[in-house]
Amino acid sequence: MIEVILVDDHRVVVEGLTLLLDAFPDVQVVGSATDGGEGAELAISLAPDVVLMDLSMPGVDGVQATRLIVEQVPETAVVVLTTSSDRDMVLRSLDAGAVGYMMKDTDPRALHEGIQAAAAGGSPIDPRVARALVETRRKTSAGEASLLTSKQREVLALVAAGQSNRLVAKQLGVTEKTVKAHLTQIYAAIGVTDRVQATLWARDHLFEG
């Protein structure tokens, strides 16, 4: 059973999502919150498999709440569920540690599949958001390894060497979900959308010279 927490300041959205998700046999909504601070506290307390996180909320927003959750319970996957596909918001969310970014008008089946993917260590990204990430590649210099933090370069180097997420996690002393979160951020930073493209980028730029 995939345990899910909902964080959204619109109660009608929370109630609607609860009814929708509880109809799936492998998903259980175990809690909800109407602001980021409360949502972070709830996630840290319950450590669910997935948190569906809105971004625009009073007080602690979704980006801040995501960062708090990832720091305290890295085994929990945070998936942004919002109405905005703005490139800057996407990148801020991924930088905070979100493993996925989905839109509120997505098909219920696609949302269910996204939750399943996140719980399994994947990164569900709405196609419209993927397009924004491609735009990022066009607007940045893909040849600059300085786009990545030292930890991200370390993760990418291991992946490019052919190691699985499990082996990377073991070598770095972190969870597989943490490795996956790093990879999601790496993809956004260098403007790629999958592991193969990231490996090719690393071989062209990370190891040059």
N, C-alpha and C. Protein backbone atom coordinates (compact mmCIF):
# COMPACT_ATOMS: atom_id res chain seq x y z
N MET A 1 0.84 -1.20 0.00
CA MET A 1 0.00 0.00 0.00
C MET A 1 0.88 1.25 0.00
N ILE A 2 0.61 2.17 -0.92
CA ILE A 2 1.35 3.41 -1.01
C ILE A 2 0.68 4.46 -0.12
N GLU A 3 1.38 4.90 0.90
CA GLU A 3 0.84 5.91 1.80
C GLU A 3 1.15 7.31 1.27
N VAL A 4 0.10 8.15 1.22
CA VAL A 4 0.22 9.47 0.61
C VAL A 4 -0.28 10.55 1.57
N ILE A 5 0.42 11.68 1.60
CA ILE A 5 -0.04 12.87 2.32
C ILE A 5 -0.31 13.96 1.29
N LEU A 6 -1.41 14.69 1.46
CA LEU A 6 -1.78 15.79 0.58
C LEU A 6 -1.53 17.12 1.27
N VAL A 7 -0.87 18.05 0.57
CA VAL A 7 -0.64 19.38 1.12
C VAL A 7 -1.13 20.41 0.11
N ASP A 8 -2.22 21.08 0.46
CA ASP A 8 -2.84 22.06 -0.44
C ASP A 8 -3.72 22.98 0.41
N ASP A 9 -3.66 24.28 0.14
CA ASP A 9 -4.43 25.21 0.98
C ASP A 9 -5.89 25.31 0.56
N HIS A 10 -6.29 24.60 -0.47
CA HIS A 10 -7.70 24.58 -0.87
C HIS A 10 -8.33 23.28 -0.39
N ARG A 11 -9.19 23.39 0.60
CA ARG A 11 -9.79 22.22 1.21
C ARG A 11 -10.58 21.38 0.21
N VAL A 12 -11.22 22.04 -0.75
CA VAL A 12 -12.00 21.28 -1.73
C VAL A 12 -11.07 20.42 -2.58
N VAL A 13 -9.87 20.91 -2.85
CA VAL A 13 -8.90 20.12 -3.61
C VAL A 13 -8.46 18.91 -2.80
N VAL A 14 -8.18 19.13 -1.52
CA VAL A 14 -7.76 18.03 -0.65
C VAL A 14 -8.84 16.96 -0.57
N GLU A 15 -10.08 17.39 -0.37
CA GLU A 15 -11.17 16.43 -0.25
C GLU A 15 -11.40 15.67 -1.56
N GLY A 16 -11.29 16.39 -2.68
CA GLY A 16 -11.48 15.74 -3.96
C GLY A 16 -10.38 14.73 -4.26
N LEU A 17 -9.14 15.11 -3.96
CA LEU A 17 -8.03 14.20 -4.18
C LEU A 17 -8.11 12.98 -3.27
N THR A 18 -8.56 13.20 -2.05
CA THR A 18 -8.69 12.08 -1.11
C THR A 18 -9.68 11.05 -1.65
N LEU A 19 -10.83 11.52 -2.12
CA LEU A 19 -11.82 10.60 -2.69
C LEU A 19 -11.27 9.89 -3.92
N LEU A 20 -10.56 10.65 -4.77
CA LEU A 20 -10.01 10.08 -5.99
C LEU A 20 -8.97 9.01 -5.70
N LEU A 21 -8.01 9.34 -4.82
CA LEU A 21 -6.89 8.42 -4.58
C LEU A 21 -7.30 7.21 -3.76
N ASP A 22 -8.21 7.40 -2.83
CA ASP A 22 -8.64 6.27 -2.01
C ASP A 22 -9.42 5.24 -2.83
N ALA A 23 -9.83 5.63 -4.03
CA ALA A 23 -10.54 4.67 -4.91
C ALA A 23 -9.57 3.68 -5.55
N PHE A 24 -8.28 4.02 -5.53
CA PHE A 24 -7.29 3.09 -6.09
C PHE A 24 -6.89 2.09 -5.00
N PRO A 25 -6.85 0.80 -5.32
CA PRO A 25 -6.63 -0.23 -4.29
C PRO A 25 -5.25 -0.21 -3.65
N ASP A 26 -4.27 0.41 -4.32
CA ASP A 26 -2.91 0.39 -3.79
C ASP A 26 -2.47 1.72 -3.19
N VAL A 27 -3.41 2.66 -3.03
CA VAL A 27 -3.09 3.99 -2.48
C VAL A 27 -3.97 4.28 -1.28
N GLN A 28 -3.35 4.85 -0.24
CA GLN A 28 -4.10 5.26 0.94
C GLN A 28 -3.65 6.66 1.37
N VAL A 29 -4.58 7.60 1.44
CA VAL A 29 -4.28 8.93 1.94
C VAL A 29 -4.26 8.87 3.47
N VAL A 30 -3.09 9.09 4.06
CA VAL A 30 -2.94 8.94 5.51
C VAL A 30 -2.95 10.26 6.25
N GLY A 31 -3.03 11.37 5.51
CA GLY A 31 -3.08 12.66 6.17
C GLY A 31 -3.12 13.78 5.16
N SER A 32 -3.49 14.97 5.64
CA SER A 32 -3.53 16.14 4.77
C SER A 32 -3.25 17.39 5.58
N ALA A 33 -2.81 18.45 4.89
CA ALA A 33 -2.52 19.72 5.54
C ALA A 33 -2.85 20.84 4.57
N THR A 34 -3.16 22.00 5.12
CA THR A 34 -3.55 23.14 4.29
C THR A 34 -2.50 24.23 4.23
N ASP A 35 -1.31 24.00 4.79
CA ASP A 35 -0.19 24.92 4.60
C ASP A 35 1.11 24.13 4.66
N GLY A 36 2.17 24.73 4.11
CA GLY A 36 3.43 24.02 3.99
C GLY A 36 4.05 23.62 5.31
N GLY A 37 3.97 24.50 6.30
CA GLY A 37 4.56 24.18 7.59
C GLY A 37 3.90 22.98 8.23
N GLU A 38 2.58 22.97 8.22
CA GLU A 38 1.83 21.84 8.77
C GLU A 38 2.11 20.57 7.97
N GLY A 39 2.20 20.73 6.65
CA GLY A 39 2.46 19.58 5.80
C GLY A 39 3.81 18.97 6.07
N ALA A 40 4.83 19.82 6.26
CA ALA A 40 6.17 19.32 6.56
C ALA A 40 6.19 18.58 7.89
N GLU A 41 5.55 19.14 8.89
CA GLU A 41 5.49 18.49 10.20
C GLU A 41 4.81 17.13 10.11
N LEU A 42 3.72 17.08 9.36
CA LEU A 42 2.97 15.83 9.21
C LEU A 42 3.80 14.78 8.48
N ALA A 43 4.49 15.21 7.42
CA ALA A 43 5.32 14.28 6.66
C ALA A 43 6.48 13.76 7.49
N ILE A 44 7.09 14.63 8.27
CA ILE A 44 8.21 14.22 9.12
C ILE A 44 7.73 13.24 10.19
N SER A 45 6.51 13.44 10.67
CA SER A 45 5.95 12.57 11.70
C SER A 45 5.55 11.20 11.15
N LEU A 46 4.90 11.19 9.97
CA LEU A 46 4.35 9.95 9.43
C LEU A 46 5.26 9.24 8.43
N ALA A 47 6.21 10.00 7.84
CA ALA A 47 7.12 9.43 6.83
C ALA A 47 6.37 8.61 5.78
N PRO A 48 5.44 9.21 5.05
CA PRO A 48 4.69 8.47 4.03
C PRO A 48 5.59 8.14 2.85
N ASP A 49 5.07 7.35 1.93
CA ASP A 49 5.82 7.04 0.72
C ASP A 49 5.91 8.25 -0.21
N VAL A 50 4.79 8.98 -0.32
CA VAL A 50 4.70 10.09 -1.26
C VAL A 50 3.96 11.26 -0.62
N VAL A 51 4.44 12.48 -0.88
CA VAL A 51 3.71 13.70 -0.52
C VAL A 51 3.36 14.42 -1.81
N LEU A 52 2.08 14.73 -2.01
CA LEU A 52 1.65 15.57 -3.13
C LEU A 52 1.61 17.00 -2.62
N MET A 53 2.45 17.85 -3.18
CA MET A 53 2.70 19.18 -2.63
C MET A 53 2.27 20.29 -3.57
N ASP A 54 1.37 21.15 -3.10
CA ASP A 54 1.03 22.36 -3.83
C ASP A 54 2.17 23.36 -3.61
N LEU A 55 2.27 24.39 -4.45
CA LEU A 55 3.35 25.35 -4.30
C LEU A 55 2.91 26.65 -3.65
N SER A 56 1.82 27.24 -4.13
CA SER A 56 1.39 28.55 -3.63
C SER A 56 0.49 28.39 -2.42
N MET A 57 1.08 28.62 -1.24
CA MET A 57 0.33 28.52 0.01
C MET A 57 0.78 29.63 0.95
N PRO A 58 -0.11 30.07 1.82
CA PRO A 58 0.27 31.11 2.78
C PRO A 58 1.29 30.57 3.79
N GLY A 59 2.10 31.46 4.33
CA GLY A 59 3.10 31.02 5.30
C GLY A 59 4.23 30.30 4.61
N VAL A 60 4.49 29.08 5.01
CA VAL A 60 5.52 28.25 4.38
C VAL A 60 5.00 27.72 3.05
N ASP A 61 5.68 28.08 1.96
CA ASP A 61 5.19 27.65 0.65
C ASP A 61 5.67 26.23 0.33
N GLY A 62 5.27 25.73 -0.83
CA GLY A 62 5.57 24.36 -1.17
C GLY A 62 7.04 24.07 -1.36
N VAL A 63 7.79 25.04 -1.87
CA VAL A 63 9.22 24.85 -2.07
C VAL A 63 9.92 24.70 -0.72
N GLN A 64 9.61 25.59 0.22
CA GLN A 64 10.21 25.51 1.55
C GLN A 64 9.82 24.21 2.25
N ALA A 65 8.56 23.85 2.14
CA ALA A 65 8.09 22.63 2.78
C ALA A 65 8.78 21.40 2.18
N THR A 66 8.95 21.41 0.88
CA THR A 66 9.64 20.30 0.22
C THR A 66 11.05 20.16 0.76
N ARG A 67 11.75 21.28 0.88
CA ARG A 67 13.13 21.23 1.38
C ARG A 67 13.18 20.66 2.80
N LEU A 68 12.24 21.06 3.64
CA LEU A 68 12.20 20.56 5.01
C LEU A 68 11.96 19.05 5.04
N ILE A 69 11.04 18.59 4.22
CA ILE A 69 10.72 17.16 4.19
C ILE A 69 11.91 16.35 3.70
N VAL A 70 12.52 16.79 2.61
CA VAL A 70 13.65 16.05 2.04
C VAL A 70 14.82 15.98 3.02
N GLU A 71 15.02 17.05 3.78
CA GLU A 71 16.12 17.06 4.75
C GLU A 71 15.87 16.09 5.90
N GLN A 72 14.62 15.99 6.34
CA GLN A 72 14.29 15.21 7.53
C GLN A 72 13.90 13.77 7.21
N VAL A 73 13.18 13.56 6.12
CA VAL A 73 12.75 12.20 5.75
C VAL A 73 13.04 11.97 4.27
N PRO A 74 14.32 11.79 3.91
CA PRO A 74 14.69 11.66 2.50
C PRO A 74 14.08 10.44 1.81
N GLU A 75 13.61 9.48 2.62
CA GLU A 75 12.97 8.31 2.01
C GLU A 75 11.58 8.62 1.48
N THR A 76 11.01 9.76 1.87
CA THR A 76 9.70 10.18 1.36
C THR A 76 9.88 10.95 0.05
N ALA A 77 9.12 10.57 -0.97
CA ALA A 77 9.20 11.23 -2.27
C ALA A 77 8.18 12.37 -2.33
N VAL A 78 8.66 13.56 -2.61
CA VAL A 78 7.77 14.72 -2.75
C VAL A 78 7.50 14.97 -4.23
N VAL A 79 6.23 14.98 -4.59
CA VAL A 79 5.82 15.27 -5.96
C VAL A 79 5.00 16.55 -5.94
N VAL A 80 5.44 17.54 -6.68
CA VAL A 80 4.69 18.79 -6.78
C VAL A 80 3.43 18.54 -7.60
N LEU A 81 2.31 19.05 -7.11
CA LEU A 81 1.03 18.97 -7.84
C LEU A 81 0.45 20.37 -7.85
N THR A 82 0.53 21.05 -8.98
CA THR A 82 0.21 22.46 -9.02
C THR A 82 -0.45 22.83 -10.35
N THR A 83 -0.70 24.11 -10.53
CA THR A 83 -1.31 24.60 -11.78
C THR A 83 -0.30 25.29 -12.68
N SER A 84 0.93 25.49 -12.20
CA SER A 84 1.92 26.27 -12.93
C SER A 84 3.01 25.39 -13.52
N SER A 85 3.32 25.61 -14.80
CA SER A 85 4.45 24.94 -15.43
C SER A 85 5.58 25.94 -15.68
N ASP A 86 5.57 27.05 -14.93
CA ASP A 86 6.61 28.06 -15.07
C ASP A 86 7.98 27.45 -14.84
N ARG A 87 8.91 27.73 -15.72
CA ARG A 87 10.23 27.11 -15.68
C ARG A 87 10.95 27.38 -14.36
N ASP A 88 10.89 28.60 -13.88
CA ASP A 88 11.58 28.94 -12.64
C ASP A 88 11.00 28.17 -11.45
N MET A 89 9.67 28.03 -11.43
CA MET A 89 9.04 27.27 -10.34
C MET A 89 9.42 25.80 -10.41
N VAL A 90 9.49 25.28 -11.62
CA VAL A 90 9.91 23.89 -11.79
C VAL A 90 11.31 23.69 -11.22
N LEU A 91 12.23 24.56 -11.62
CA LEU A 91 13.62 24.41 -11.19
C LEU A 91 13.77 24.61 -9.68
N ARG A 92 13.03 25.58 -9.12
CA ARG A 92 13.09 25.80 -7.68
C ARG A 92 12.60 24.57 -6.92
N SER A 93 11.56 23.96 -7.43
CA SER A 93 11.00 22.77 -6.78
C SER A 93 11.97 21.60 -6.84
N LEU A 94 12.56 21.38 -8.00
CA LEU A 94 13.51 20.29 -8.15
C LEU A 94 14.76 20.54 -7.32
N ASP A 95 15.19 21.80 -7.28
CA ASP A 95 16.36 22.14 -6.46
C ASP A 95 16.08 21.87 -4.97
N ALA A 96 14.83 22.04 -4.57
CA ALA A 96 14.46 21.80 -3.18
C ALA A 96 14.41 20.31 -2.85
N GLY A 97 14.39 19.46 -3.88
CA GLY A 97 14.40 18.02 -3.65
C GLY A 97 13.18 17.27 -4.13
N ALA A 98 12.23 17.95 -4.77
CA ALA A 98 11.08 17.24 -5.32
C ALA A 98 11.54 16.25 -6.38
N VAL A 99 10.94 15.06 -6.41
CA VAL A 99 11.32 14.05 -7.39
C VAL A 99 10.40 14.06 -8.60
N GLY A 100 9.32 14.82 -8.53
CA GLY A 100 8.38 14.86 -9.64
C GLY A 100 7.62 16.17 -9.68
N TYR A 101 6.99 16.45 -10.81
CA TYR A 101 6.26 17.70 -10.98
C TYR A 101 5.08 17.41 -11.90
N MET A 102 3.87 17.47 -11.34
CA MET A 102 2.67 17.15 -12.10
C MET A 102 1.67 18.29 -12.01
N MET A 103 0.75 18.31 -12.97
CA MET A 103 -0.23 19.38 -13.03
C MET A 103 -1.58 18.91 -12.48
N LYS A 104 -2.32 19.85 -11.90
CA LYS A 104 -3.59 19.49 -11.28
C LYS A 104 -4.65 19.07 -12.29
N ASP A 105 -4.48 19.46 -13.55
CA ASP A 105 -5.47 19.06 -14.55
C ASP A 105 -5.09 17.75 -15.24
N THR A 106 -4.13 17.04 -14.68
CA THR A 106 -3.71 15.77 -15.28
C THR A 106 -4.82 14.72 -15.15
N ASP A 107 -4.79 13.76 -16.02
CA ASP A 107 -5.76 12.66 -16.00
C ASP A 107 -5.57 11.85 -14.70
N PRO A 108 -6.67 11.45 -14.06
CA PRO A 108 -6.55 10.67 -12.82
C PRO A 108 -5.67 9.43 -12.95
N ARG A 109 -5.75 8.77 -14.08
CA ARG A 109 -4.92 7.58 -14.27
C ARG A 109 -3.44 7.96 -14.31
N ALA A 110 -3.13 9.08 -14.97
CA ALA A 110 -1.74 9.54 -15.04
C ALA A 110 -1.24 9.95 -13.66
N LEU A 111 -2.12 10.56 -12.86
CA LEU A 111 -1.74 10.92 -11.50
C LEU A 111 -1.44 9.67 -10.68
N HIS A 112 -2.28 8.66 -10.82
CA HIS A 112 -2.06 7.40 -10.12
C HIS A 112 -0.73 6.78 -10.53
N GLU A 113 -0.46 6.78 -11.81
CA GLU A 113 0.79 6.22 -12.30
C GLU A 113 1.99 7.03 -11.80
N GLY A 114 1.80 8.35 -11.68
CA GLY A 114 2.86 9.20 -11.17
C GLY A 114 3.18 8.89 -9.72
N ILE A 115 2.14 8.65 -8.93
CA ILE A 115 2.33 8.29 -7.53
C ILE A 115 3.04 6.95 -7.42
N GLN A 116 2.63 6.00 -8.23
CA GLN A 116 3.29 4.70 -8.24
C GLN A 116 4.76 4.83 -8.61
N ALA A 117 5.04 5.65 -9.61
CA ALA A 117 6.42 5.84 -10.05
C ALA A 117 7.27 6.47 -8.96
N ALA A 118 6.73 7.50 -8.31
CA ALA A 118 7.47 8.17 -7.25
C ALA A 118 7.76 7.22 -6.10
N ALA A 119 6.78 6.42 -5.73
CA ALA A 119 6.95 5.47 -4.63
C ALA A 119 7.99 4.42 -4.97
N ALA A 120 8.16 4.13 -6.26
CA ALA A 120 9.12 3.11 -6.70
C ALA A 120 10.50 3.69 -6.98
N GLY A 121 10.66 5.01 -6.74
CA GLY A 121 11.95 5.63 -6.96
C GLY A 121 12.08 6.37 -8.28
N GLY A 122 10.96 6.53 -8.99
CA GLY A 122 10.98 7.23 -10.27
C GLY A 122 10.73 8.72 -10.14
N SER A 123 10.71 9.39 -11.28
CA SER A 123 10.51 10.84 -11.31
C SER A 123 9.40 11.20 -12.29
N PRO A 124 8.14 11.22 -11.83
CA PRO A 124 7.04 11.55 -12.73
C PRO A 124 7.04 13.04 -13.10
N ILE A 125 7.21 13.32 -14.38
CA ILE A 125 7.27 14.70 -14.86
C ILE A 125 6.21 14.89 -15.94
N ASP A 126 5.34 15.87 -15.74
CA ASP A 126 4.33 16.18 -16.73
C ASP A 126 5.01 16.59 -18.05
N PRO A 127 4.48 16.14 -19.20
CA PRO A 127 5.11 16.48 -20.48
C PRO A 127 5.29 17.98 -20.69
N ARG A 128 4.36 18.78 -20.18
CA ARG A 128 4.50 20.23 -20.32
C ARG A 128 5.68 20.76 -19.52
N VAL A 129 5.95 20.11 -18.40
CA VAL A 129 7.08 20.49 -17.57
C VAL A 129 8.38 20.03 -18.23
N ALA A 130 8.36 18.86 -18.82
CA ALA A 130 9.54 18.36 -19.54
C ALA A 130 9.93 19.33 -20.63
N ARG A 131 8.93 19.92 -21.27
CA ARG A 131 9.21 20.91 -22.32
C ARG A 131 9.92 22.12 -21.73
N ALA A 132 9.54 22.51 -20.52
CA ALA A 132 10.20 23.63 -19.86
C ALA A 132 11.66 23.30 -19.56
N LEU A 133 11.92 22.05 -19.21
CA LEU A 133 13.29 21.63 -18.94
C LEU A 133 14.13 21.64 -20.21
N VAL A 134 13.49 21.29 -21.34
CA VAL A 134 14.20 21.36 -22.61
C VAL A 134 14.56 22.80 -22.92
N GLU A 135 13.64 23.71 -22.63
CA GLU A 135 13.91 25.13 -22.83
C GLU A 135 15.09 25.58 -21.99
N THR A 136 15.21 25.02 -20.81
CA THR A 136 16.34 25.36 -19.94
C THR A 136 17.65 25.02 -20.63
N ARG A 137 17.67 23.89 -21.30
CA ARG A 137 18.89 23.50 -22.00
C ARG A 137 19.24 24.51 -23.09
N ARG A 138 18.24 25.03 -23.75
CA ARG A 138 18.50 25.98 -24.83
C ARG A 138 19.03 27.31 -24.30
N LYS A 139 18.65 27.63 -23.06
CA LYS A 139 18.99 28.94 -22.51
C LYS A 139 20.21 28.93 -21.61
N THR A 140 20.80 27.75 -21.41
CA THR A 140 22.00 27.67 -20.58
C THR A 140 23.11 27.02 -21.36
N SER A 141 24.30 27.17 -20.89
CA SER A 141 25.45 26.54 -21.54
C SER A 141 25.59 25.13 -21.03
N ALA A 142 25.24 24.16 -21.87
CA ALA A 142 25.25 22.77 -21.45
C ALA A 142 26.66 22.26 -21.24
N GLY A 143 27.67 23.02 -21.63
CA GLY A 143 29.04 22.58 -21.46
C GLY A 143 29.64 22.96 -20.14
N GLU A 144 28.93 23.61 -19.26
CA GLU A 144 29.50 24.07 -18.00
C GLU A 144 29.17 23.12 -16.88
N ALA A 145 30.17 22.39 -16.38
CA ALA A 145 29.96 21.50 -15.24
C ALA A 145 29.66 22.30 -13.98
N SER A 146 29.94 23.61 -14.02
CA SER A 146 29.67 24.45 -12.85
C SER A 146 28.17 24.59 -12.61
N LEU A 147 27.34 24.11 -13.56
CA LEU A 147 25.90 24.10 -13.35
C LEU A 147 25.52 23.16 -12.21
N LEU A 148 26.43 22.24 -11.87
CA LEU A 148 26.15 21.22 -10.87
C LEU A 148 26.91 21.48 -9.58
N THR A 149 26.30 21.05 -8.47
CA THR A 149 27.00 21.11 -7.19
C THR A 149 28.03 19.97 -7.15
N SER A 150 28.93 20.02 -6.18
CA SER A 150 29.94 18.97 -6.07
C SER A 150 29.29 17.60 -5.84
N LYS A 151 28.23 17.56 -5.04
CA LYS A 151 27.54 16.30 -4.79
C LYS A 151 26.87 15.78 -6.06
N GLN A 152 26.26 16.68 -6.83
CA GLN A 152 25.63 16.28 -8.08
C GLN A 152 26.65 15.76 -9.07
N ARG A 153 27.82 16.39 -9.13
CA ARG A 153 28.89 15.90 -10.02
C ARG A 153 29.35 14.51 -9.60
N GLU A 154 29.41 14.28 -8.28
CA GLU A 154 29.82 12.99 -7.76
C GLU A 154 28.81 11.90 -8.16
N VAL A 155 27.51 12.22 -7.99
CA VAL A 155 26.46 11.27 -8.37
C VAL A 155 26.51 11.00 -9.87
N LEU A 156 26.62 12.05 -10.66
CA LEU A 156 26.62 11.89 -12.11
C LEU A 156 27.83 11.09 -12.58
N ALA A 157 28.98 11.30 -11.95
CA ALA A 157 30.18 10.56 -12.33
C ALA A 157 30.00 9.06 -12.11
N LEU A 158 29.38 8.70 -11.00
CA LEU A 158 29.15 7.29 -10.70
C LEU A 158 28.14 6.68 -11.67
N VAL A 159 27.09 7.44 -11.96
CA VAL A 159 26.09 6.96 -12.92
C VAL A 159 26.71 6.78 -14.30
N ALA A 160 27.52 7.76 -14.72
CA ALA A 160 28.17 7.68 -16.02
C ALA A 160 29.15 6.52 -16.09
N ALA A 161 29.64 6.09 -14.93
CA ALA A 161 30.55 4.94 -14.88
C ALA A 161 29.79 3.62 -14.95
N GLY A 162 28.46 3.70 -15.01
CA GLY A 162 27.65 2.51 -15.18
C GLY A 162 27.06 1.93 -13.91
N GLN A 163 27.19 2.66 -12.79
CA GLN A 163 26.65 2.14 -11.54
C GLN A 163 25.15 2.39 -11.44
N SER A 164 24.45 1.44 -10.84
CA SER A 164 23.00 1.58 -10.63
C SER A 164 22.74 2.54 -9.49
N ASN A 165 21.49 2.98 -9.37
CA ASN A 165 21.13 3.85 -8.26
C ASN A 165 21.43 3.19 -6.92
N ARG A 166 21.21 1.88 -6.85
CA ARG A 166 21.45 1.16 -5.60
C ARG A 166 22.93 1.21 -5.21
N LEU A 167 23.81 0.99 -6.20
CA LEU A 167 25.24 1.01 -5.91
C LEU A 167 25.73 2.41 -5.60
N VAL A 168 25.17 3.40 -6.30
CA VAL A 168 25.54 4.79 -6.01
C VAL A 168 25.13 5.15 -4.58
N ALA A 169 23.91 4.74 -4.20
CA ALA A 169 23.43 5.02 -2.86
C ALA A 169 24.33 4.37 -1.80
N LYS A 170 24.72 3.14 -2.06
CA LYS A 170 25.57 2.42 -1.12
C LYS A 170 26.92 3.09 -0.97
N GLN A 171 27.49 3.51 -2.09
CA GLN A 171 28.82 4.12 -2.06
C GLN A 171 28.79 5.48 -1.36
N LEU A 172 27.70 6.23 -1.55
CA LEU A 172 27.61 7.57 -0.96
C LEU A 172 26.98 7.57 0.43
N GLY A 173 26.44 6.42 0.85
CA GLY A 173 25.84 6.33 2.16
C GLY A 173 24.51 7.05 2.27
N VAL A 174 23.73 7.03 1.18
CA VAL A 174 22.41 7.67 1.17
C VAL A 174 21.39 6.66 0.67
N THR A 175 20.11 7.05 0.63
CA THR A 175 19.07 6.16 0.14
C THR A 175 18.97 6.26 -1.38
N GLU A 176 18.35 5.24 -1.99
CA GLU A 176 18.14 5.27 -3.43
C GLU A 176 17.25 6.44 -3.84
N LYS A 177 16.28 6.79 -3.00
CA LYS A 177 15.40 7.92 -3.31
C LYS A 177 16.19 9.22 -3.33
N THR A 178 17.19 9.33 -2.45
CA THR A 178 18.03 10.52 -2.44
C THR A 178 18.84 10.61 -3.74
N VAL A 179 19.35 9.47 -4.18
CA VAL A 179 20.08 9.44 -5.45
C VAL A 179 19.16 9.86 -6.59
N LYS A 180 17.93 9.34 -6.56
CA LYS A 180 16.97 9.68 -7.62
C LYS A 180 16.64 11.17 -7.59
N ALA A 181 16.54 11.74 -6.40
CA ALA A 181 16.28 13.18 -6.28
C ALA A 181 17.43 13.98 -6.87
N HIS A 182 18.66 13.54 -6.59
CA HIS A 182 19.82 14.21 -7.16
C HIS A 182 19.78 14.15 -8.69
N LEU A 183 19.42 12.98 -9.22
CA LEU A 183 19.38 12.83 -10.67
C LEU A 183 18.32 13.73 -11.30
N THR A 184 17.19 13.86 -10.64
CA THR A 184 16.14 14.76 -11.16
C THR A 184 16.66 16.19 -11.24
N GLN A 185 17.39 16.62 -10.20
CA GLN A 185 17.97 17.96 -10.20
C GLN A 185 19.04 18.10 -11.26
N ILE A 186 19.83 17.05 -11.45
CA ILE A 186 20.89 17.06 -12.47
C ILE A 186 20.27 17.21 -13.86
N TYR A 187 19.22 16.43 -14.13
CA TYR A 187 18.56 16.51 -15.43
C TYR A 187 18.11 17.95 -15.71
N ALA A 188 17.51 18.58 -14.70
CA ALA A 188 17.02 19.95 -14.87
C ALA A 188 18.18 20.91 -15.11
N ALA A 189 19.28 20.72 -14.37
CA ALA A 189 20.40 21.66 -14.46
C ALA A 189 21.10 21.62 -15.81
N ILE A 190 21.27 20.41 -16.37
CA ILE A 190 22.01 20.30 -17.62
C ILE A 190 21.11 20.19 -18.84
N GLY A 191 19.80 20.17 -18.61
CA GLY A 191 18.85 20.20 -19.72
C GLY A 191 18.68 18.89 -20.45
N VAL A 192 18.66 17.78 -19.69
CA VAL A 192 18.38 16.48 -20.31
C VAL A 192 17.15 15.88 -19.63
N THR A 193 16.66 14.78 -20.17
CA THR A 193 15.43 14.22 -19.62
C THR A 193 15.54 12.76 -19.20
N ASP A 194 16.74 12.16 -19.38
CA ASP A 194 16.86 10.78 -18.93
C ASP A 194 18.31 10.42 -18.61
N ARG A 195 18.50 9.23 -18.09
CA ARG A 195 19.80 8.75 -17.62
C ARG A 195 20.82 8.63 -18.76
N VAL A 196 20.37 8.16 -19.91
CA VAL A 196 21.28 7.99 -21.04
C VAL A 196 21.84 9.33 -21.49
N GLN A 197 20.96 10.33 -21.63
CA GLN A 197 21.41 11.65 -22.05
C GLN A 197 22.36 12.26 -21.02
N ALA A 198 22.06 12.04 -19.73
CA ALA A 198 22.92 12.56 -18.67
C ALA A 198 24.31 11.92 -18.73
N THR A 199 24.34 10.61 -19.02
CA THR A 199 25.62 9.91 -19.13
C THR A 199 26.44 10.45 -20.29
N LEU A 200 25.79 10.68 -21.42
CA LEU A 200 26.48 11.23 -22.59
C LEU A 200 27.00 12.63 -22.29
N TRP A 201 26.19 13.43 -21.60
CA TRP A 201 26.62 14.78 -21.22
C TRP A 201 27.85 14.71 -20.33
N ALA A 202 27.83 13.81 -19.38
CA ALA A 202 28.97 13.67 -18.45
C ALA A 202 30.23 13.28 -19.21
N ARG A 203 30.11 12.36 -20.14
CA ARG A 203 31.28 11.92 -20.88
C ARG A 203 31.84 13.02 -21.76
N ASP A 204 30.96 13.90 -22.25
CA ASP A 204 31.39 15.00 -23.10
C ASP A 204 31.98 16.17 -22.32
N HIS A 205 31.44 16.40 -21.10
CA HIS A 205 31.79 17.63 -20.38
C HIS A 205 32.38 17.43 -18.99
N LEU A 206 31.89 16.44 -18.26
CA LEU A 206 32.34 16.29 -16.88
C LEU A 206 33.78 15.78 -16.81
N PHE A 207 34.14 14.94 -17.77
CA PHE A 207 35.45 14.31 -17.72
C PHE A 207 36.45 14.89 -18.71
N GLU A 208 36.03 15.95 -19.39
CA GLU A 208 36.94 16.50 -20.40
C GLU A 208 38.16 17.12 -19.74
N GLY A 209 39.26 17.03 -20.40
CA GLY A 209 40.50 17.59 -19.89
C GLY A 209 41.14 16.71 -18.87
